[in-house]
Amino acid sequence: MDINEAINNGLYNEIGKEIDDRYLEEVKKQSLNMDIIKEQADNIKIVYTPLHGTGNIPVRRVLSELGFKNVYVVPEQEMPDRKFPNS
């Protein structure tokens, strides 16, 4: 079915920033030891591959909000690509 039909049938609903924010706050609560993160965040280097963009924005946001400064994203995997060409 097309998107308009799905919306009209109550089968499609976009979640917005409020839900994203609440979810990411819960994700951050899963951190095991914030004291160590605060102490070592500047020293740790993280290389992240977001599987063709699927987690790019939320993961980078969480890592940044936790205080990690040295986060490097694999360029070939950074942007969304539903074909997953180099998986």
N, C-alpha and C. Protein backbone atom coordinates (compact mmCIF):
# COMPACT_ATOMS: atom_id res chain seq x y z
N MET A 1 0.85 -1.17 0.00
CA MET A 1 0.00 0.00 0.00
C MET A 1 0.89 1.23 0.00
N ASP A 2 0.37 2.31 -0.55
CA ASP A 2 1.17 3.52 -0.57
C ASP A 2 1.07 4.23 0.79
N ILE A 3 1.93 5.19 0.99
CA ILE A 3 2.04 5.85 2.29
C ILE A 3 0.75 6.58 2.68
N ASN A 4 0.08 7.20 1.73
CA ASN A 4 -1.17 7.91 2.05
C ASN A 4 -2.24 6.96 2.55
N GLU A 5 -2.34 5.80 1.92
CA GLU A 5 -3.31 4.80 2.37
C GLU A 5 -2.96 4.30 3.78
N ALA A 6 -1.68 4.08 4.01
CA ALA A 6 -1.24 3.65 5.34
C ALA A 6 -1.57 4.69 6.40
N ILE A 7 -1.34 5.96 6.09
CA ILE A 7 -1.67 7.04 7.03
C ILE A 7 -3.17 7.06 7.30
N ASN A 8 -3.96 6.99 6.23
CA ASN A 8 -5.42 7.03 6.37
C ASN A 8 -5.96 5.86 7.18
N ASN A 9 -5.27 4.71 7.12
CA ASN A 9 -5.70 3.53 7.86
C ASN A 9 -5.07 3.45 9.25
N GLY A 10 -4.36 4.50 9.64
CA GLY A 10 -3.74 4.51 10.96
C GLY A 10 -2.59 3.53 11.11
N LEU A 11 -1.97 3.15 9.99
CA LEU A 11 -0.90 2.16 10.02
C LEU A 11 0.49 2.78 9.90
N TYR A 12 0.55 4.08 9.80
CA TYR A 12 1.83 4.77 9.64
C TYR A 12 1.87 5.94 10.60
N ASN A 13 2.95 6.00 11.33
CA ASN A 13 3.11 7.10 12.27
C ASN A 13 4.59 7.41 12.39
N GLU A 14 4.97 8.64 12.17
CA GLU A 14 6.37 9.04 12.32
C GLU A 14 6.62 9.43 13.76
N ILE A 15 7.70 8.90 14.30
CA ILE A 15 8.08 9.33 15.64
C ILE A 15 9.00 10.53 15.50
N GLY A 16 8.89 11.44 16.41
CA GLY A 16 9.64 12.67 16.29
C GLY A 16 10.77 12.79 17.28
N LYS A 17 11.30 13.98 17.37
CA LYS A 17 12.46 14.28 18.20
C LYS A 17 12.21 13.94 19.67
N GLU A 18 11.02 14.16 20.16
CA GLU A 18 10.72 13.88 21.57
C GLU A 18 10.96 12.40 21.90
N ILE A 19 10.50 11.52 21.04
CA ILE A 19 10.69 10.08 21.27
C ILE A 19 12.17 9.73 21.12
N ASP A 20 12.83 10.29 20.11
CA ASP A 20 14.27 10.05 19.94
C ASP A 20 15.03 10.48 21.19
N ASP A 21 14.72 11.66 21.70
CA ASP A 21 15.42 12.18 22.88
C ASP A 21 15.21 11.26 24.08
N ARG A 22 13.98 10.83 24.30
CA ARG A 22 13.70 9.94 25.44
C ARG A 22 14.43 8.60 25.29
N TYR A 23 14.43 8.07 24.08
CA TYR A 23 15.10 6.80 23.83
C TYR A 23 16.61 6.93 24.08
N LEU A 24 17.22 7.98 23.55
CA LEU A 24 18.66 8.14 23.71
C LEU A 24 19.05 8.41 25.16
N GLU A 25 18.19 9.04 25.92
CA GLU A 25 18.46 9.20 27.36
C GLU A 25 18.49 7.84 28.04
N GLU A 26 17.59 6.96 27.64
CA GLU A 26 17.58 5.61 28.22
C GLU A 26 18.82 4.83 27.79
N VAL A 27 19.24 5.00 26.55
CA VAL A 27 20.46 4.34 26.07
C VAL A 27 21.65 4.78 26.92
N LYS A 28 21.77 6.08 27.17
CA LYS A 28 22.90 6.59 27.96
C LYS A 28 22.90 6.04 29.38
N LYS A 29 21.74 5.75 29.90
CA LYS A 29 21.65 5.18 31.26
C LYS A 29 22.25 3.78 31.33
N GLN A 30 22.45 3.15 30.19
CA GLN A 30 23.02 1.80 30.16
C GLN A 30 24.54 1.80 30.33
N SER A 31 25.15 2.97 30.34
CA SER A 31 26.60 3.05 30.55
C SER A 31 26.94 2.48 31.91
N LEU A 32 27.97 1.66 31.95
CA LEU A 32 28.29 0.93 33.17
C LEU A 32 29.02 1.76 34.22
N ASN A 33 29.91 2.64 33.80
CA ASN A 33 30.68 3.38 34.79
C ASN A 33 30.97 4.78 34.27
N MET A 34 30.09 5.70 34.57
CA MET A 34 30.23 7.08 34.09
C MET A 34 31.49 7.75 34.63
N ASP A 35 31.93 7.37 35.82
CA ASP A 35 33.14 7.97 36.37
C ASP A 35 34.35 7.67 35.48
N ILE A 36 34.45 6.44 35.02
CA ILE A 36 35.57 6.07 34.14
C ILE A 36 35.42 6.78 32.79
N ILE A 37 34.20 6.85 32.28
CA ILE A 37 33.99 7.54 31.01
C ILE A 37 34.42 9.00 31.14
N LYS A 38 33.99 9.67 32.19
CA LYS A 38 34.37 11.08 32.38
C LYS A 38 35.88 11.24 32.49
N GLU A 39 36.51 10.29 33.16
CA GLU A 39 37.95 10.35 33.38
C GLU A 39 38.74 10.06 32.10
N GLN A 40 38.25 9.15 31.27
CA GLN A 40 39.03 8.66 30.14
C GLN A 40 38.49 9.05 28.76
N ALA A 41 37.37 9.73 28.69
CA ALA A 41 36.73 10.01 27.39
C ALA A 41 37.66 10.72 26.41
N ASP A 42 38.51 11.61 26.90
CA ASP A 42 39.43 12.32 26.00
C ASP A 42 40.55 11.43 25.49
N ASN A 43 40.83 10.34 26.18
CA ASN A 43 41.95 9.47 25.82
C ASN A 43 41.57 8.31 24.93
N ILE A 44 40.30 8.01 24.86
CA ILE A 44 39.83 6.83 24.11
C ILE A 44 39.53 7.23 22.68
N LYS A 45 40.00 6.41 21.74
CA LYS A 45 39.68 6.61 20.33
C LYS A 45 38.70 5.52 19.92
N ILE A 46 37.63 5.95 19.27
CA ILE A 46 36.59 5.02 18.84
C ILE A 46 36.46 5.08 17.33
N VAL A 47 36.51 3.93 16.69
CA VAL A 47 36.23 3.83 15.26
C VAL A 47 34.87 3.16 15.16
N TYR A 48 33.96 3.85 14.48
CA TYR A 48 32.58 3.36 14.39
C TYR A 48 32.19 3.17 12.94
N THR A 49 31.60 2.04 12.64
CA THR A 49 31.08 1.78 11.31
C THR A 49 29.56 1.61 11.42
N PRO A 50 28.80 2.58 10.94
CA PRO A 50 27.36 2.58 11.16
C PRO A 50 26.52 1.74 10.19
N LEU A 51 27.11 0.71 9.60
CA LEU A 51 26.35 -0.19 8.72
C LEU A 51 25.49 0.59 7.72
N HIS A 52 26.17 1.34 6.91
CA HIS A 52 25.55 2.16 5.87
C HIS A 52 24.52 3.15 6.43
N GLY A 53 24.94 3.82 7.48
CA GLY A 53 24.16 4.93 8.01
C GLY A 53 23.05 4.56 8.97
N THR A 54 22.80 3.29 9.20
CA THR A 54 21.64 2.92 9.99
C THR A 54 21.68 3.43 11.42
N GLY A 55 22.86 3.54 12.00
CA GLY A 55 22.94 4.04 13.37
C GLY A 55 23.77 5.30 13.49
N ASN A 56 24.15 5.87 12.38
CA ASN A 56 25.10 6.98 12.35
C ASN A 56 24.73 8.12 13.29
N ILE A 57 23.59 8.69 13.10
CA ILE A 57 23.21 9.89 13.87
C ILE A 57 23.00 9.58 15.34
N PRO A 58 22.19 8.58 15.71
CA PRO A 58 21.98 8.36 17.15
C PRO A 58 23.23 7.90 17.90
N VAL A 59 24.04 7.04 17.29
CA VAL A 59 25.23 6.56 17.99
C VAL A 59 26.23 7.70 18.19
N ARG A 60 26.45 8.48 17.16
CA ARG A 60 27.39 9.60 17.30
C ARG A 60 26.88 10.61 18.33
N ARG A 61 25.59 10.82 18.36
CA ARG A 61 25.02 11.74 19.34
C ARG A 61 25.24 11.23 20.76
N VAL A 62 24.96 9.96 21.00
CA VAL A 62 25.14 9.39 22.34
C VAL A 62 26.61 9.47 22.76
N LEU A 63 27.51 9.07 21.87
CA LEU A 63 28.93 9.11 22.20
C LEU A 63 29.38 10.54 22.52
N SER A 64 28.90 11.49 21.75
CA SER A 64 29.24 12.88 22.00
C SER A 64 28.69 13.36 23.34
N GLU A 65 27.44 13.05 23.61
CA GLU A 65 26.81 13.48 24.86
C GLU A 65 27.45 12.81 26.08
N LEU A 66 28.03 11.63 25.89
CA LEU A 66 28.74 10.96 26.98
C LEU A 66 30.12 11.57 27.19
N GLY A 67 30.58 12.35 26.21
CA GLY A 67 31.85 13.05 26.37
C GLY A 67 32.99 12.55 25.52
N PHE A 68 32.74 11.55 24.66
CA PHE A 68 33.81 11.04 23.81
C PHE A 68 34.10 12.05 22.70
N LYS A 69 35.37 12.40 22.56
CA LYS A 69 35.77 13.42 21.58
C LYS A 69 36.40 12.80 20.33
N ASN A 70 37.05 11.66 20.48
CA ASN A 70 37.79 11.05 19.38
C ASN A 70 37.00 9.90 18.76
N VAL A 71 35.94 10.27 18.04
CA VAL A 71 35.09 9.27 17.39
C VAL A 71 35.29 9.42 15.88
N TYR A 72 35.71 8.34 15.26
CA TYR A 72 35.99 8.34 13.83
C TYR A 72 35.02 7.37 13.15
N VAL A 73 34.37 7.87 12.12
CA VAL A 73 33.38 7.06 11.40
C VAL A 73 33.98 6.60 10.08
N VAL A 74 33.79 5.33 9.77
CA VAL A 74 34.28 4.76 8.51
C VAL A 74 33.49 5.42 7.37
N PRO A 75 34.17 6.19 6.51
CA PRO A 75 33.45 6.95 5.47
C PRO A 75 32.60 6.09 4.55
N GLU A 76 33.07 4.89 4.21
CA GLU A 76 32.33 4.02 3.28
C GLU A 76 31.03 3.51 3.89
N GLN A 77 30.88 3.61 5.19
CA GLN A 77 29.69 3.11 5.88
C GLN A 77 28.85 4.24 6.48
N GLU A 78 29.28 5.47 6.32
CA GLU A 78 28.66 6.58 7.04
C GLU A 78 27.25 6.94 6.55
N MET A 79 27.07 7.01 5.26
CA MET A 79 25.80 7.50 4.72
C MET A 79 24.82 6.35 4.44
N PRO A 80 23.54 6.62 4.59
CA PRO A 80 22.54 5.58 4.33
C PRO A 80 22.62 5.06 2.89
N ASP A 81 22.58 3.76 2.76
CA ASP A 81 22.56 3.12 1.44
C ASP A 81 21.85 1.77 1.61
N ARG A 82 20.61 1.73 1.19
CA ARG A 82 19.79 0.53 1.41
C ARG A 82 20.28 -0.69 0.65
N LYS A 83 21.21 -0.50 -0.27
CA LYS A 83 21.76 -1.63 -1.02
C LYS A 83 22.89 -2.32 -0.27
N PHE A 84 23.42 -1.72 0.78
CA PHE A 84 24.52 -2.29 1.58
C PHE A 84 25.63 -2.81 0.66
N PRO A 85 26.24 -1.95 -0.16
CA PRO A 85 27.16 -2.42 -1.18
C PRO A 85 28.47 -3.04 -0.69
N ASN A 86 28.97 -2.66 0.46
CA ASN A 86 30.24 -3.24 0.90
C ASN A 86 30.11 -3.90 2.26
N SER A 87 29.01 -4.60 2.44
CA SER A 87 28.78 -5.33 3.70
C SER A 87 29.45 -6.68 3.64
